[in-house]
């Protein structure tokens, strides 16, 4: 069993575990119970939740997925608002369809 990812919180650990399992990699989250002790225990790689791969043959692939996941975990630049070509409504950048008329973002 090998640790491949150290998470910021239990939800992050379980999300990444789900990504590994979707790729056919058996994984386990460890240390999530220690998360409740933050503030009393020091925050280190040993006290944060982590994801472990069960089969050593999957470690390289899991680490590559962890690197990819960590890159996508950074806050992206917010997308600018856009104006719907069909109804001229201003729509927030994270949406790909107009909330007013349902037209697709150009």
PDB file of N, CA and C in Angstrom:
ATOM      1  N   UNK A   1       0.860  -1.168   0.000  1.00  0.00           N
ATOM      2  CA  UNK A   1       0.000   0.000   0.000  1.00  0.00           C
ATOM      3  C   UNK A   1       0.908   1.233   0.000  1.00  0.00           C
ATOM      4  N   UNK A   2       0.577   2.212  -0.886  1.00  0.00           N
ATOM      5  CA  UNK A   2       1.417   3.394  -1.058  1.00  0.00           C
ATOM      6  C   UNK A   2       0.566   4.658  -1.062  1.00  0.00           C
ATOM      7  N   UNK A   3       1.019   5.675  -0.324  1.00  0.00           N
ATOM      8  CA  UNK A   3       0.322   6.959  -0.318  1.00  0.00           C
ATOM      9  C   UNK A   3       0.637   7.689  -1.619  1.00  0.00           C
ATOM     10  N   UNK A   4      -0.432   8.163  -2.299  1.00  0.00           N
ATOM     11  CA  UNK A   4      -0.240   8.855  -3.577  1.00  0.00           C
ATOM     12  C   UNK A   4      -0.762  10.286  -3.563  1.00  0.00           C
ATOM     13  N   UNK A   5      -1.548  10.645  -2.534  1.00  0.00           N
ATOM     14  CA  UNK A   5      -2.134  11.982  -2.514  1.00  0.00           C
ATOM     15  C   UNK A   5      -2.436  12.391  -1.080  1.00  0.00           C
ATOM     16  N   UNK A   6      -2.067  13.624  -0.731  1.00  0.00           N
ATOM     17  CA  UNK A   6      -2.414  14.204   0.564  1.00  0.00           C
ATOM     18  C   UNK A   6      -3.427  15.303   0.292  1.00  0.00           C
ATOM     19  N   UNK A   7      -4.592  15.192   0.932  1.00  0.00           N
ATOM     20  CA  UNK A   7      -5.715  16.097   0.666  1.00  0.00           C
ATOM     21  C   UNK A   7      -5.760  17.230   1.681  1.00  0.00           C
ATOM     22  N   UNK A   8      -6.483  18.267   1.340  1.00  0.00           N
ATOM     23  CA  UNK A   8      -6.685  19.398   2.248  1.00  0.00           C
ATOM     24  C   UNK A   8      -7.764  19.094   3.279  1.00  0.00           C
ATOM     25  N   UNK A   9      -8.720  18.242   2.912  1.00  0.00           N
ATOM     26  CA  UNK A   9      -9.822  17.891   3.802  1.00  0.00           C
ATOM     27  C   UNK A   9     -10.408  16.550   3.336  1.00  0.00           C
ATOM     28  N   UNK A  10     -11.207  15.904   4.181  1.00  0.00           N
ATOM     29  CA  UNK A  10     -11.729  14.570   3.838  1.00  0.00           C
ATOM     30  C   UNK A  10     -12.517  14.532   2.524  1.00  0.00           C
ATOM     31  N   UNK A  11     -13.282  15.562   2.243  1.00  0.00           N
ATOM     32  CA  UNK A  11     -14.055  15.561   1.000  1.00  0.00           C
ATOM     33  C   UNK A  11     -13.149  15.504  -0.214  1.00  0.00           C
ATOM     34  N   UNK A  12     -12.061  16.258  -0.176  1.00  0.00           N
ATOM     35  CA  UNK A  12     -11.073  16.250  -1.254  1.00  0.00           C
ATOM     36  C   UNK A  12     -10.474  14.853  -1.410  1.00  0.00           C
ATOM     37  N   UNK A  13     -10.157  14.211  -0.299  1.00  0.00           N
ATOM     38  CA  UNK A  13      -9.582  12.863  -0.340  1.00  0.00           C
ATOM     39  C   UNK A  13     -10.560  11.869  -0.969  1.00  0.00           C
ATOM     40  N   UNK A  14     -11.806  11.934  -0.568  1.00  0.00           N
ATOM     41  CA  UNK A  14     -12.795  10.992  -1.106  1.00  0.00           C
ATOM     42  C   UNK A  14     -13.107  11.269  -2.572  1.00  0.00           C
ATOM     43  N   UNK A  15     -13.059  12.526  -2.966  1.00  0.00           N
ATOM     44  CA  UNK A  15     -13.260  12.859  -4.381  1.00  0.00           C
ATOM     45  C   UNK A  15     -12.152  12.241  -5.224  1.00  0.00           C
ATOM     46  N   UNK A  16     -10.898  12.409  -4.785  1.00  0.00           N
ATOM     47  CA  UNK A  16      -9.795  11.823  -5.544  1.00  0.00           C
ATOM     48  C   UNK A  16      -9.844  10.292  -5.517  1.00  0.00           C
ATOM     49  N   UNK A  17     -10.215   9.720  -4.386  1.00  0.00           N
ATOM     50  CA  UNK A  17     -10.375   8.258  -4.305  1.00  0.00           C
ATOM     51  C   UNK A  17     -11.386   7.779  -5.346  1.00  0.00           C
ATOM     52  N   UNK A  18     -12.481   8.533  -5.503  1.00  0.00           N
ATOM     53  CA  UNK A  18     -13.481   8.189  -6.510  1.00  0.00           C
ATOM     54  C   UNK A  18     -12.931   8.250  -7.924  1.00  0.00           C
ATOM     55  N   UNK A  19     -12.062   9.224  -8.177  1.00  0.00           N
ATOM     56  CA  UNK A  19     -11.427   9.327  -9.498  1.00  0.00           C
ATOM     57  C   UNK A  19     -10.567   8.096  -9.755  1.00  0.00           C
ATOM     58  N   UNK A  20      -9.790   7.700  -8.750  1.00  0.00           N
ATOM     59  CA  UNK A  20      -8.960   6.501  -8.912  1.00  0.00           C
ATOM     60  C   UNK A  20      -9.821   5.265  -9.158  1.00  0.00           C
ATOM     61  N   UNK A  21     -10.871   5.109  -8.379  1.00  0.00           N
ATOM     62  CA  UNK A  21     -11.722   3.934  -8.530  1.00  0.00           C
ATOM     63  C   UNK A  21     -12.419   3.905  -9.887  1.00  0.00           C
ATOM     64  N   UNK A  22     -12.741   5.077 -10.423  1.00  0.00           N
ATOM     65  CA  UNK A  22     -13.333   5.133 -11.760  1.00  0.00           C
ATOM     66  C   UNK A  22     -12.337   4.662 -12.825  1.00  0.00           C
ATOM     67  N   UNK A  23     -11.050   4.736 -12.511  1.00  0.00           N
ATOM     68  CA  UNK A  23     -10.002   4.267 -13.415  1.00  0.00           C
ATOM     69  C   UNK A  23      -9.587   2.826 -13.114  1.00  0.00           C
ATOM     70  N   UNK A  24     -10.322   2.178 -12.213  1.00  0.00           N
ATOM     71  CA  UNK A  24     -10.040   0.786 -11.882  1.00  0.00           C
ATOM     72  C   UNK A  24      -8.910   0.602 -10.879  1.00  0.00           C
ATOM     73  N   UNK A  25      -8.580   1.652 -10.132  1.00  0.00           N
ATOM     74  CA  UNK A  25      -7.502   1.585  -9.144  1.00  0.00           C
ATOM     75  C   UNK A  25      -8.125   1.519  -7.759  1.00  0.00           C
ATOM     76  N   UNK A  26      -7.849   0.444  -7.029  1.00  0.00           N
ATOM     77  CA  UNK A  26      -8.380   0.287  -5.678  1.00  0.00           C
ATOM     78  C   UNK A  26      -7.630   1.219  -4.737  1.00  0.00           C
ATOM     79  N   UNK A  27      -8.375   2.030  -3.976  1.00  0.00           N
ATOM     80  CA  UNK A  27      -7.755   3.032  -3.109  1.00  0.00           C
ATOM     81  C   UNK A  27      -8.450   3.079  -1.759  1.00  0.00           C
ATOM     82  N   UNK A  28      -7.779   3.711  -0.804  1.00  0.00           N
ATOM     83  CA  UNK A  28      -8.253   3.812   0.563  1.00  0.00           C
ATOM     84  C   UNK A  28      -7.924   5.202   1.083  1.00  0.00           C
ATOM     85  N   UNK A  29      -8.853   5.816   1.824  1.00  0.00           N
ATOM     86  CA  UNK A  29      -8.600   7.101   2.479  1.00  0.00           C
ATOM     87  C   UNK A  29      -8.194   6.810   3.917  1.00  0.00           C
ATOM     88  N   UNK A  30      -7.088   7.406   4.335  1.00  0.00           N
ATOM     89  CA  UNK A  30      -6.627   7.251   5.716  1.00  0.00           C
ATOM     90  C   UNK A  30      -6.447   8.629   6.339  1.00  0.00           C
ATOM     91  N   UNK A  31      -6.603   8.703   7.646  1.00  0.00           N
ATOM     92  CA  UNK A  31      -6.337   9.934   8.381  1.00  0.00           C
ATOM     93  C   UNK A  31      -7.481  10.923   8.442  1.00  0.00           C
ATOM     94  N   UNK A  32      -8.648  10.563   7.919  1.00  0.00           N
ATOM     95  CA  UNK A  32      -9.743  11.527   7.937  1.00  0.00           C
ATOM     96  C   UNK A  32     -10.254  11.795   9.352  1.00  0.00           C
ATOM     97  N   UNK A  33     -10.095  10.849  10.261  1.00  0.00           N
ATOM     98  CA  UNK A  33     -10.532  11.054  11.641  1.00  0.00           C
ATOM     99  C   UNK A  33      -9.677  12.111  12.343  1.00  0.00           C
ATOM    100  N   UNK A  34      -8.427  12.253  11.914  1.00  0.00           N
ATOM    101  CA  UNK A  34      -7.541  13.252  12.509  1.00  0.00           C
ATOM    102  C   UNK A  34      -7.905  14.672  12.096  1.00  0.00           C
ATOM    103  N   UNK A  35      -8.695  14.806  11.048  1.00  0.00           N
ATOM    104  CA  UNK A  35      -9.051  16.132  10.551  1.00  0.00           C
ATOM    105  C   UNK A  35      -9.807  16.929  11.609  1.00  0.00           C
ATOM    106  N   UNK A  36     -10.589  16.252  12.414  1.00  0.00           N
ATOM    107  CA  UNK A  36     -11.342  16.923  13.469  1.00  0.00           C
ATOM    108  C   UNK A  36     -10.457  17.462  14.584  1.00  0.00           C
ATOM    109  N   UNK A  37      -9.221  17.008  14.646  1.00  0.00           N
ATOM    110  CA  UNK A  37      -8.300  17.472  15.692  1.00  0.00           C
ATOM    111  C   UNK A  37      -7.456  18.662  15.251  1.00  0.00           C
ATOM    112  N   UNK A  38      -7.708  19.170  14.032  1.00  0.00           N
ATOM    113  CA  UNK A  38      -6.898  20.314  13.593  1.00  0.00           C
ATOM    114  C   UNK A  38      -7.140  21.483  14.548  1.00  0.00           C
ATOM    115  N   UNK A  39      -6.085  22.208  14.812  1.00  0.00           N
ATOM    116  CA  UNK A  39      -6.132  23.247  15.818  1.00  0.00           C
ATOM    117  C   UNK A  39      -5.536  22.763  17.119  1.00  0.00           C
ATOM    118  N   UNK A  40      -5.719  21.479  17.390  1.00  0.00           N
ATOM    119  CA  UNK A  40      -5.121  20.874  18.572  1.00  0.00           C
ATOM    120  C   UNK A  40      -3.872  20.077  18.191  1.00  0.00           C
ATOM    121  N   UNK A  41      -3.912  19.464  17.030  1.00  0.00           N
ATOM    122  CA  UNK A  41      -2.760  18.721  16.514  1.00  0.00           C
ATOM    123  C   UNK A  41      -2.161  19.539  15.372  1.00  0.00           C
ATOM    124  N   UNK A  42      -0.853  19.464  15.174  1.00  0.00           N
ATOM    125  CA  UNK A  42      -0.247  20.222  14.078  1.00  0.00           C
ATOM    126  C   UNK A  42      -0.728  19.702  12.726  1.00  0.00           C
ATOM    127  N   UNK A  43      -0.844  20.585  11.755  1.00  0.00           N
ATOM    128  CA  UNK A  43      -1.247  20.197  10.412  1.00  0.00           C
ATOM    129  C   UNK A  43       0.012  19.814   9.642  1.00  0.00           C
ATOM    130  N   UNK A  44       0.162  18.523   9.385  1.00  0.00           N
ATOM    131  CA  UNK A  44       1.299  18.001   8.633  1.00  0.00           C
ATOM    132  C   UNK A  44       0.783  16.981   7.628  1.00  0.00           C
ATOM    133  N   UNK A  45       1.685  16.481   6.782  1.00  0.00           N
ATOM    134  CA  UNK A  45       1.295  15.438   5.843  1.00  0.00           C
ATOM    135  C   UNK A  45       0.801  14.191   6.574  1.00  0.00           C
ATOM    136  N   UNK A  46       1.226  14.017   7.808  1.00  0.00           N
ATOM    137  CA  UNK A  46       0.805  12.844   8.572  1.00  0.00           C
ATOM    138  C   UNK A  46      -0.556  13.012   9.231  1.00  0.00           C
ATOM    139  N   UNK A  47      -1.015  14.255   9.407  1.00  0.00           N
ATOM    140  CA  UNK A  47      -2.311  14.469  10.062  1.00  0.00           C
ATOM    141  C   UNK A  47      -3.410  14.862   9.091  1.00  0.00           C
ATOM    142  N   UNK A  48      -3.051  15.156   7.840  1.00  0.00           N
ATOM    143  CA  UNK A  48      -4.066  15.457   6.829  1.00  0.00           C
ATOM    144  C   UNK A  48      -4.586  14.150   6.230  1.00  0.00           C
ATOM    145  N   UNK A  49      -5.825  14.148   5.735  1.00  0.00           N
ATOM    146  CA  UNK A  49      -6.339  12.941   5.068  1.00  0.00           C
ATOM    147  C   UNK A  49      -5.486  12.620   3.840  1.00  0.00           C
ATOM    148  N   UNK A  50      -5.287  11.366   3.567  1.00  0.00           N
ATOM    149  CA  UNK A  50      -4.489  10.976   2.412  1.00  0.00           C
ATOM    150  C   UNK A  50      -5.129   9.788   1.702  1.00  0.00           C
ATOM    151  N   UNK A  51      -4.759   9.642   0.437  1.00  0.00           N
ATOM    152  CA  UNK A  51      -5.286   8.552  -0.387  1.00  0.00           C
ATOM    153  C   UNK A  51      -4.145   7.579  -0.663  1.00  0.00           C
ATOM    154  N   UNK A  52      -4.420   6.326  -0.413  1.00  0.00           N
ATOM    155  CA  UNK A  52      -3.440   5.261  -0.571  1.00  0.00           C
ATOM    156  C   UNK A  52      -3.921   4.280  -1.635  1.00  0.00           C
ATOM    157  N   UNK A  53      -3.003   3.807  -2.462  1.00  0.00           N
ATOM    158  CA  UNK A  53      -3.297   2.815  -3.495  1.00  0.00           C
ATOM    159  C   UNK A  53      -2.943   1.440  -2.949  1.00  0.00           C
ATOM    160  N   UNK A  54      -3.834   0.504  -3.140  1.00  0.00           N
ATOM    161  CA  UNK A  54      -3.674  -0.833  -2.571  1.00  0.00           C
ATOM    162  C   UNK A  54      -2.640  -1.675  -3.335  1.00  0.00           C
ATOM    163  N   UNK A  55      -2.639  -1.586  -4.661  1.00  0.00           N
ATOM    164  CA  UNK A  55      -1.770  -2.422  -5.496  1.00  0.00           C
ATOM    165  C   UNK A  55      -0.575  -1.595  -5.979  1.00  0.00           C
ATOM    166  N   UNK A  56       0.638  -2.053  -5.677  1.00  0.00           N
ATOM    167  CA  UNK A  56       1.846  -1.313  -6.066  1.00  0.00           C
ATOM    168  C   UNK A  56       1.980  -1.155  -7.582  1.00  0.00           C
ATOM    169  N   UNK A  57       1.343  -2.032  -8.346  1.00  0.00           N
ATOM    170  CA  UNK A  57       1.393  -1.910  -9.806  1.00  0.00           C
ATOM    171  C   UNK A  57       0.643  -0.682 -10.309  1.00  0.00           C
ATOM    172  N   UNK A  58      -0.259  -0.134  -9.494  1.00  0.00           N
ATOM    173  CA  UNK A  58      -1.060   1.029  -9.893  1.00  0.00           C
ATOM    174  C   UNK A  58      -0.471   2.367  -9.432  1.00  0.00           C
ATOM    175  N   UNK A  59       0.638   2.332  -8.701  1.00  0.00           N
ATOM    176  CA  UNK A  59       1.166   3.547  -8.078  1.00  0.00           C
ATOM    177  C   UNK A  59       1.539   4.611  -9.108  1.00  0.00           C
ATOM    178  N   UNK A  60       2.269   4.246 -10.158  1.00  0.00           N
ATOM    179  CA  UNK A  60       2.700   5.249 -11.139  1.00  0.00           C
ATOM    180  C   UNK A  60       1.507   5.918 -11.809  1.00  0.00           C
ATOM    181  N   UNK A  61       0.527   5.122 -12.201  1.00  0.00           N
ATOM    182  CA  UNK A  61      -0.670   5.677 -12.842  1.00  0.00           C
ATOM    183  C   UNK A  61      -1.448   6.554 -11.868  1.00  0.00           C
ATOM    184  N   UNK A  62      -1.540   6.133 -10.609  1.00  0.00           N
ATOM    185  CA  UNK A  62      -2.248   6.914  -9.591  1.00  0.00           C
ATOM    186  C   UNK A  62      -1.535   8.232  -9.319  1.00  0.00           C
ATOM    187  N   UNK A  63      -0.218   8.214  -9.280  1.00  0.00           N
ATOM    188  CA  UNK A  63       0.536   9.463  -9.064  1.00  0.00           C
ATOM    189  C   UNK A  63       0.357  10.418 -10.232  1.00  0.00           C
ATOM    190  N   UNK A  64       0.311   9.887 -11.443  1.00  0.00           N
ATOM    191  CA  UNK A  64       0.066  10.738 -12.608  1.00  0.00           C
ATOM    192  C   UNK A  64      -1.326  11.376 -12.521  1.00  0.00           C
ATOM    193  N   UNK A  65      -2.304  10.596 -12.104  1.00  0.00           N
ATOM    194  CA  UNK A  65      -3.658  11.131 -11.922  1.00  0.00           C
ATOM    195  C   UNK A  65      -3.683  12.159 -10.790  1.00  0.00           C
ATOM    196  N   UNK A  66      -2.912  11.936  -9.737  1.00  0.00           N
ATOM    197  CA  UNK A  66      -2.839  12.895  -8.624  1.00  0.00           C
ATOM    198  C   UNK A  66      -2.241  14.216  -9.095  1.00  0.00           C
ATOM    199  N   UNK A  67      -1.201  14.155  -9.915  1.00  0.00           N
ATOM    200  CA  UNK A  67      -0.593  15.378 -10.450  1.00  0.00           C
ATOM    201  C   UNK A  67      -1.595  16.145 -11.311  1.00  0.00           C
ATOM    202  N   UNK A  68      -2.302  15.420 -12.150  1.00  0.00           N
ATOM    203  CA  UNK A  68      -3.315  16.029 -13.012  1.00  0.00           C
ATOM    204  C   UNK A  68      -4.444  16.639 -12.179  1.00  0.00           C
ATOM    205  N   UNK A  69      -4.875  15.919 -11.159  1.00  0.00           N
ATOM    206  CA  UNK A  69      -5.942  16.388 -10.268  1.00  0.00           C
ATOM    207  C   UNK A  69      -5.503  17.648  -9.523  1.00  0.00           C
ATOM    208  N   UNK A  70      -4.274  17.655  -9.031  1.00  0.00           N
ATOM    209  CA  UNK A  70      -3.771  18.809  -8.279  1.00  0.00           C
ATOM    210  C   UNK A  70      -3.679  20.050  -9.159  1.00  0.00           C
ATOM    211  N   UNK A  71      -3.320  19.885 -10.413  1.00  0.00           N
ATOM    212  CA  UNK A  71      -3.255  21.029 -11.334  1.00  0.00           C
ATOM    213  C   UNK A  71      -4.643  21.614 -11.551  1.00  0.00           C
ATOM    214  N   UNK A  72      -5.635  20.759 -11.673  1.00  0.00           N
ATOM    215  CA  UNK A  72      -7.003  21.217 -11.886  1.00  0.00           C
ATOM    216  C   UNK A  72      -7.639  21.755 -10.630  1.00  0.00           C
ATOM    217  N   UNK A  73      -6.994  21.525  -9.489  1.00  0.00           N
ATOM    218  CA  UNK A  73      -7.544  21.952  -8.208  1.00  0.00           C
ATOM    219  C   UNK A  73      -7.290  23.427  -7.928  1.00  0.00           C
ATOM    220  N   UNK A  74      -6.377  24.034  -8.660  1.00  0.00           N
ATOM    221  CA  UNK A  74      -6.103  25.447  -8.439  1.00  0.00           C
ATOM    222  C   UNK A  74      -7.244  26.277  -8.983  1.00  0.00           C
ATOM    223  N   UNK A  75      -7.458  27.414  -8.395  1.00  0.00           N
ATOM    224  CA  UNK A  75      -8.557  28.285  -8.828  1.00  0.00           C
ATOM    225  C   UNK A  75      -8.266  28.823 -10.224  1.00  0.00           C
ATOM    226  N   UNK A  76      -9.169  28.575 -11.124  1.00  0.00           N
ATOM    227  CA  UNK A  76      -9.024  29.064 -12.487  1.00  0.00           C
ATOM    228  C   UNK A  76      -9.484  30.511 -12.558  1.00  0.00           C
ATOM    229  N   UNK A  77      -9.018  31.182 -13.593  1.00  0.00           N
ATOM    230  CA  UNK A  77      -9.473  32.546 -13.811  1.00  0.00           C
ATOM    231  C   UNK A  77     -10.980  32.520 -14.043  1.00  0.00           C
ATOM    232  N   UNK A  78     -11.707  33.446 -13.430  1.00  0.00           N
ATOM    233  CA  UNK A  78     -13.154  33.458 -13.656  1.00  0.00           C
ATOM    234  C   UNK A  78     -13.458  33.802 -15.111  1.00  0.00           C
ATOM    235  N   UNK A  79     -14.446  33.136 -15.639  1.00  0.00           N
ATOM    236  CA  UNK A  79     -14.836  33.406 -17.034  1.00  0.00           C
ATOM    237  C   UNK A  79     -15.666  34.678 -17.068  1.00  0.00           C
ATOM    238  N   UNK A  80     -15.445  35.495 -18.080  1.00  0.00           N
ATOM    239  CA  UNK A  80     -16.190  36.744 -18.158  1.00  0.00           C
ATOM    240  C   UNK A  80     -17.664  36.505 -18.488  1.00  0.00           C
ATOM    241  N   UNK A  81     -18.488  37.457 -18.104  1.00  0.00           N
ATOM    242  CA  UNK A  81     -19.904  37.369 -18.476  1.00  0.00           C
ATOM    243  C   UNK A  81     -20.008  37.438 -19.991  1.00  0.00           C
ATOM    244  N   UNK A  82     -21.122  36.979 -20.499  1.00  0.00           N
ATOM    245  CA  UNK A  82     -21.338  37.014 -21.942  1.00  0.00           C
ATOM    246  C   UNK A  82     -22.776  37.419 -22.218  1.00  0.00           C
ATOM    247  N   UNK A  83     -23.011  37.944 -23.414  1.00  0.00           N
ATOM    248  CA  UNK A  83     -24.349  38.374 -23.805  1.00  0.00           C
ATOM    249  C   UNK A  83     -24.923  37.364 -24.778  1.00  0.00           C
ATOM    250  N   UNK A  84     -26.121  36.896 -24.477  1.00  0.00           N
ATOM    251  CA  UNK A  84     -26.801  35.915 -25.320  1.00  0.00           C
ATOM    252  C   UNK A  84     -27.109  36.530 -26.686  1.00  0.00           C
ATOM    253  N   UNK A  85     -26.737  35.823 -27.733  1.00  0.00           N
ATOM    254  CA  UNK A  85     -26.983  36.307 -29.093  1.00  0.00           C
ATOM    255  C   UNK A  85     -28.475  36.276 -29.439  1.00  0.00           C
ATOM    256  N   UNK A  86     -29.233  35.396 -28.805  1.00  0.00           N
ATOM    257  CA  UNK A  86     -30.654  35.258 -29.134  1.00  0.00           C
ATOM    258  C   UNK A  86     -31.527  36.306 -28.438  1.00  0.00           C
ATOM    259  N   UNK A  87     -31.346  36.482 -27.114  1.00  0.00           N
ATOM    260  CA  UNK A  87     -32.252  37.376 -26.379  1.00  0.00           C
ATOM    261  C   UNK A  87     -31.540  38.580 -25.765  1.00  0.00           C
ATOM    262  N   UNK A  88     -30.216  38.659 -25.905  1.00  0.00           N
ATOM    263  CA  UNK A  88     -29.391  39.776 -25.423  1.00  0.00           C
ATOM    264  C   UNK A  88     -29.264  39.830 -23.901  1.00  0.00           C
ATOM    265  N   UNK A  89     -29.637  38.777 -23.212  1.00  0.00           N
ATOM    266  CA  UNK A  89     -29.499  38.727 -21.762  1.00  0.00           C
ATOM    267  C   UNK A  89     -28.021  38.595 -21.397  1.00  0.00           C
ATOM    268  N   UNK A  90     -27.590  39.252 -20.307  1.00  0.00           N
ATOM    269  CA  UNK A  90     -26.231  39.096 -19.800  1.00  0.00           C
ATOM    270  C   UNK A  90     -26.210  37.874 -18.879  1.00  0.00           C
ATOM    271  N   UNK A  91     -25.256  36.947 -19.148  1.00  0.00           N
ATOM    272  CA  UNK A  91     -25.190  35.680 -18.434  1.00  0.00           C
ATOM    273  C   UNK A  91     -23.814  35.561 -17.770  1.00  0.00           C
ATOM    274  N   UNK A  92     -23.783  35.064 -16.537  1.00  0.00           N
ATOM    275  CA  UNK A  92     -22.518  34.878 -15.835  1.00  0.00           C
ATOM    276  C   UNK A  92     -21.645  33.873 -16.577  1.00  0.00           C
ATOM    277  N   UNK A  93     -20.342  34.087 -16.483  1.00  0.00           N
ATOM    278  CA  UNK A  93     -19.374  33.333 -17.273  1.00  0.00           C
ATOM    279  C   UNK A  93     -19.346  31.838 -17.060  1.00  0.00           C
ATOM    280  N   UNK A  94     -19.710  31.341 -15.882  1.00  0.00           N
ATOM    281  CA  UNK A  94     -19.630  29.894 -15.638  1.00  0.00           C
ATOM    282  C   UNK A  94     -20.729  29.113 -16.340  1.00  0.00           C
ATOM    283  N   UNK A  95     -21.741  29.806 -16.884  1.00  0.00           N
ATOM    284  CA  UNK A  95     -22.847  29.120 -17.542  1.00  0.00           C
ATOM    285  C   UNK A  95     -22.613  28.993 -19.037  1.00  0.00           C
ATOM    286  N   UNK A  96     -22.992  27.848 -19.596  1.00  0.00           N
ATOM    287  CA  UNK A  96     -22.815  27.622 -21.032  1.00  0.00           C
ATOM    288  C   UNK A  96     -24.122  27.797 -21.796  1.00  0.00           C
ATOM    289  N   UNK A  97     -25.214  28.002 -21.075  1.00  0.00           N
ATOM    290  CA  UNK A  97     -26.506  28.262 -21.713  1.00  0.00           C
ATOM    291  C   UNK A  97     -27.143  29.476 -21.064  1.00  0.00           C
ATOM    292  N   UNK A  98     -27.910  30.210 -21.843  1.00  0.00           N
ATOM    293  CA  UNK A  98     -28.613  31.384 -21.344  1.00  0.00           C
ATOM    294  C   UNK A  98     -29.746  30.938 -20.421  1.00  0.00           C
ATOM    295  N   UNK A  99     -29.809  31.542 -19.243  1.00  0.00           N
ATOM    296  CA  UNK A  99     -30.861  31.177 -18.291  1.00  0.00           C
ATOM    297  C   UNK A  99     -32.225  31.674 -18.767  1.00  0.00           C
ATOM    298  N   UNK A 100     -32.245  32.718 -19.575  1.00  0.00           N
ATOM    299  CA  UNK A 100     -33.491  33.330 -20.030  1.00  0.00           C
ATOM    300  C   UNK A 100     -34.173  32.522 -21.155  1.00  0.00           C
ATOM    301  N   UNK A 101     -33.360  32.174 -22.182  1.00  0.00           N
ATOM    302  CA  UNK A 101     -33.978  31.532 -23.351  1.00  0.00           C
ATOM    303  C   UNK A 101     -33.423  30.146 -23.652  1.00  0.00           C
ATOM    304  N   UNK A 102     -32.334  29.755 -22.989  1.00  0.00           N
ATOM    305  CA  UNK A 102     -31.774  28.418 -23.206  1.00  0.00           C
ATOM    306  C   UNK A 102     -30.795  28.315 -24.361  1.00  0.00           C
ATOM    307  N   UNK A 103     -30.495  29.438 -25.012  1.00  0.00           N
ATOM    308  CA  UNK A 103     -29.541  29.401 -26.132  1.00  0.00           C
ATOM    309  C   UNK A 103     -28.152  29.047 -25.611  1.00  0.00           C
ATOM    310  N   UNK A 104     -27.400  28.359 -26.452  1.00  0.00           N
ATOM    311  CA  UNK A 104     -26.054  27.933 -26.095  1.00  0.00           C
ATOM    312  C   UNK A 104     -25.067  29.076 -26.266  1.00  0.00           C
ATOM    313  N   UNK A 105     -24.097  29.126 -25.358  1.00  0.00           N
ATOM    314  CA  UNK A 105     -23.046  30.144 -25.419  1.00  0.00           C
ATOM    315  C   UNK A 105     -22.299  30.035 -26.743  1.00  0.00           C
ATOM    316  N   UNK A 106     -22.017  31.160 -27.399  1.00  0.00           N
ATOM    317  CA  UNK A 106     -21.275  31.098 -28.677  1.00  0.00           C
ATOM    318  C   UNK A 106     -19.863  30.591 -28.499  1.00  0.00           C
TER     319      UNK A 106
END
